[in-house]
Amino acid sequence: MGIEEKINNFLVEEFEVDPARISPSADLKEILELDSLDYIDLVVVIENNFGIKVDPVDFVDLVTFQDFYDYITSRLNSKEPV
């Protein structure tokens, strides 16, 4: 399973996102409709699924799902342990 598929799967499962709305160019914040507590949940889910440490502040610059995929990929490549 690729990074994109894994991310999409946990977004569908954890955040009840309609899979038909997820595409690389889709607006991440608009589709996920996350409030501040949801961002904390998202950070925990990412850390649990990928074993990487993320900072909620990093999400400010993420606009599309592709940005999100690229962010996770780059974090995995730098692999800061949780």
Protein backbone atom coordinates (compact mmCIF):
# COMPACT_ATOMS: atom_id res chain seq x y z
CA MET A 1 0.00 0.00 0.00
CA GLY A 2 1.37 3.39 -1.02
CA ILE A 3 1.54 6.51 1.13
CA GLU A 4 -1.41 8.16 -0.63
CA GLU A 5 -3.61 5.09 -0.22
CA LYS A 6 -2.67 4.70 3.44
CA ILE A 7 -3.41 8.38 4.13
CA ASN A 8 -6.71 8.24 2.27
CA ASN A 9 -7.73 5.09 4.17
CA PHE A 10 -7.17 6.60 7.61
CA LEU A 11 -8.88 9.85 6.59
CA VAL A 12 -11.94 7.88 5.49
CA GLU A 13 -11.91 5.73 8.62
CA GLU A 14 -10.95 8.27 11.28
CA PHE A 15 -12.50 11.46 9.90
CA GLU A 16 -15.40 10.02 7.87
CA VAL A 17 -14.26 11.70 4.67
CA ASP A 18 -16.11 10.67 1.51
CA PRO A 19 -13.43 8.90 -0.57
CA ALA A 20 -14.93 10.35 -3.75
CA ARG A 21 -13.97 13.86 -2.53
CA ILE A 22 -10.29 13.00 -2.05
CA SER A 23 -7.98 13.86 -4.94
CA PRO A 24 -4.45 15.28 -5.07
CA SER A 25 -5.69 18.72 -6.14
CA ALA A 26 -8.63 18.89 -3.68
CA ASP A 27 -8.53 21.50 -0.92
CA LEU A 28 -7.41 19.68 2.23
CA LYS A 29 -9.00 21.98 4.80
CA GLU A 30 -12.28 22.28 2.89
CA ILE A 31 -12.70 18.52 2.47
CA LEU A 32 -11.59 17.54 5.98
CA GLU A 33 -13.50 20.37 7.73
CA LEU A 34 -11.14 20.16 10.69
CA ASP A 35 -11.43 22.27 13.81
CA SER A 36 -8.52 22.79 16.21
CA LEU A 37 -9.23 19.58 18.15
CA ASP A 38 -9.43 17.60 14.91
CA TYR A 39 -5.92 18.78 14.01
CA ILE A 40 -4.66 17.26 17.26
CA ASP A 41 -6.46 14.01 16.40
CA LEU A 42 -4.93 14.11 12.92
CA VAL A 43 -1.43 14.54 14.37
CA VAL A 44 -1.98 11.54 16.67
CA VAL A 45 -3.30 9.41 13.80
CA ILE A 46 -0.31 10.34 11.62
CA GLU A 47 2.13 9.55 14.42
CA ASN A 48 0.42 6.20 15.07
CA ASN A 49 0.20 5.23 11.38
CA PHE A 50 3.63 6.37 10.25
CA GLY A 51 5.76 6.55 13.41
CA ILE A 52 6.81 10.14 12.70
CA LYS A 53 6.59 13.28 14.81
CA VAL A 54 4.56 16.12 13.31
CA ASP A 55 3.79 19.63 14.46
CA PRO A 56 0.23 20.94 13.98
CA VAL A 57 1.78 24.26 12.88
CA ASP A 58 3.09 22.48 9.77
CA PHE A 59 -0.49 22.14 8.51
CA VAL A 60 -0.79 25.91 7.99
CA ASP A 61 1.11 25.65 4.70
CA LEU A 62 -0.69 22.55 3.41
CA VAL A 63 -3.39 23.46 0.90
CA THR A 64 -4.10 20.35 -1.19
CA PHE A 65 -4.07 16.63 -0.52
CA GLN A 66 -0.91 16.49 -2.69
CA ASP A 67 0.75 18.94 -0.27
CA PHE A 68 -0.28 16.61 2.57
CA TYR A 69 1.08 13.52 0.77
CA ASP A 70 4.35 15.34 0.02
CA TYR A 71 4.62 16.51 3.63
CA ILE A 72 4.18 12.96 5.00
CA THR A 73 6.63 11.58 2.42
CA SER A 74 9.27 14.17 3.29
CA ARG A 75 8.78 13.53 7.03
CA LEU A 76 9.16 9.79 6.44
CA ASN A 77 12.34 10.43 4.45
CA SER A 78 13.81 12.53 7.27
CA LYS A 79 12.36 10.02 9.80
CA GLU A 80 12.40 11.88 13.09
CA PRO A 81 11.29 9.24 15.58
CA VAL A 82 8.21 9.84 17.72
